[in-house]
Protein backbone atom coordinates (compact mmCIF):
# COMPACT_ATOMS: atom_id res chain seq x y z
CA UNK A 1 0.14 -0.01 -0.45
CA UNK A 2 0.99 3.67 0.10
CA UNK A 3 0.77 6.13 2.89
CA UNK A 4 0.50 9.75 2.24
CA UNK A 5 1.47 12.21 5.18
CA UNK A 6 -0.31 15.56 4.92
CA UNK A 7 2.28 17.04 7.24
CA UNK A 8 5.30 16.11 4.88
CA UNK A 9 2.89 16.08 1.91
CA UNK A 10 4.90 13.10 0.95
CA UNK A 11 3.63 9.49 -0.51
CA UNK A 12 5.52 6.59 1.02
CA UNK A 13 5.61 2.99 -0.50
CA UNK A 14 5.05 0.22 2.53
CA UNK A 15 5.79 -2.86 2.90
CA UNK A 16 3.80 -4.42 5.70
CA UNK A 17 0.44 -6.04 5.35
CA UNK A 18 -1.10 -4.14 8.31
CA UNK A 19 -1.83 -0.37 7.36
CA UNK A 20 -1.56 1.88 10.52
CA UNK A 21 -2.26 5.07 9.94
CA UNK A 22 -1.34 8.07 11.71
CA UNK A 23 -2.39 11.60 12.75
CA UNK A 24 -2.49 13.44 9.40
CA UNK A 25 -1.77 10.37 7.05
CA UNK A 26 -4.03 8.44 4.30
CA UNK A 27 -3.56 4.82 3.92
CA UNK A 28 -4.30 3.36 0.18
CA UNK A 29 -4.30 -0.03 -0.30
CA UNK A 30 -4.51 -2.56 -3.66
CA UNK A 31 -7.71 -4.49 -3.04
CA UNK A 32 -9.33 -5.66 -6.10
CA UNK A 33 -12.31 -3.96 -8.13
CA UNK A 34 -14.06 -1.05 -6.16
CA UNK A 35 -15.89 2.08 -6.73
CA UNK A 36 -15.63 5.60 -4.70
CA UNK A 37 -18.55 7.79 -4.35
CA UNK A 38 -19.43 10.50 -1.62
CA UNK A 39 -15.41 10.61 -0.53
CA UNK A 40 -15.77 6.92 0.36
CA UNK A 41 -14.52 3.80 -1.59
CA UNK A 42 -16.32 0.79 -1.35
CA UNK A 43 -15.00 -2.71 -2.46
CA UNK A 44 -16.65 -4.94 -4.56
CA UNK A 45 -17.03 -8.70 -3.54
CA UNK A 46 -19.04 -10.97 -6.20
CA UNK A 47 -21.10 -13.54 -4.71
CA UNK A 48 -21.30 -11.71 -1.20
CA UNK A 49 -24.10 -10.75 0.98
CA UNK A 50 -23.87 -8.31 3.91
CA UNK A 51 -25.94 -9.28 6.61
CA UNK A 52 -28.47 -6.62 8.80
CA UNK A 53 -30.40 -4.37 7.28
CA UNK A 54 -30.12 -0.93 7.79
CA UNK A 55 -33.17 0.03 6.21
CA UNK A 56 -36.48 -2.04 4.50
CA UNK A 57 -36.12 0.28 1.66
CA UNK A 58 -35.17 -1.08 -1.38
CA UNK A 59 -32.91 1.15 -4.09
CA UNK A 60 -32.86 0.78 -8.03
CA UNK A 61 -29.38 1.99 -8.39
CA UNK A 62 -26.12 1.24 -7.12
CA UNK A 63 -25.32 5.24 -7.07
CA UNK A 64 -28.65 5.85 -4.95
CA UNK A 65 -28.23 3.27 -2.28
CA UNK A 66 -24.13 4.29 -1.91
CA UNK A 67 -25.02 7.80 -1.46
CA UNK A 68 -28.15 6.36 1.45
CA UNK A 69 -25.71 4.23 2.98
CA UNK A 70 -22.72 7.52 3.42
CA UNK A 71 -25.26 9.56 5.00
CA UNK A 72 -26.73 7.24 7.36
CA UNK A 73 -25.17 6.72 10.76
CA UNK A 74 -24.38 3.11 11.47
CA UNK A 75 -24.40 1.88 7.48
CA UNK A 76 -21.52 -0.24 6.87
CA UNK A 77 -21.97 -1.07 3.41
CA UNK A 78 -24.18 -2.45 0.49
CA UNK A 79 -25.44 -5.71 -1.44
CA UNK A 80 -26.98 -5.93 -5.05
CA UNK A 81 -29.38 -8.79 -4.60
CA UNK A 82 -30.58 -8.92 -8.46
CA UNK A 83 -31.17 -6.19 -11.38
CA UNK A 84 -31.71 -2.70 -9.77
CA UNK A 85 -32.00 -4.18 -6.03
CA UNK A 86 -29.97 -2.70 -3.51
CA UNK A 87 -30.07 -2.93 0.00
CA UNK A 88 -27.81 -0.75 2.98
CA UNK A 89 -26.37 -2.82 5.69
CA UNK A 90 -26.07 -2.58 9.12
CA UNK A 91 -22.89 -5.27 9.49
CA UNK A 92 -19.83 -5.95 7.75
CA UNK A 93 -20.35 -9.85 8.10
CA UNK A 94 -20.26 -11.58 4.96
CA UNK A 95 -22.08 -15.06 3.70
CA UNK A 96 -21.27 -16.25 0.31
CA UNK A 97 -24.63 -15.77 -1.81
CA UNK A 98 -24.39 -16.66 -5.96
CA UNK A 99 -25.39 -13.87 -7.59
CA UNK A 100 -25.16 -11.06 -4.93
CA UNK A 101 -22.42 -8.12 -4.64
CA UNK A 102 -21.37 -6.78 -1.54
CA UNK A 103 -19.65 -3.10 -1.20
């Protein structure tokens, strides 16, 4: 991964496996496919369902679900459960479910 230090305004390449950002630092980790929305990065995991619904509402687009999650206290992620069917979740606990995608 890479760490950016806002105090020195420099990037450094890391070789360790566990990130430990300090005050004024931001850590970037290479982890496969992801999407960015609302200043947050959401890692994509296929055939994965997150547990615990944060609300009963179903969103028809990923953008709408990510926006709702980013602005909802306690939302931990989004699960795509089918075509145009997204739910926001209250847990990062996952289970393997064919056809679902976790963000």
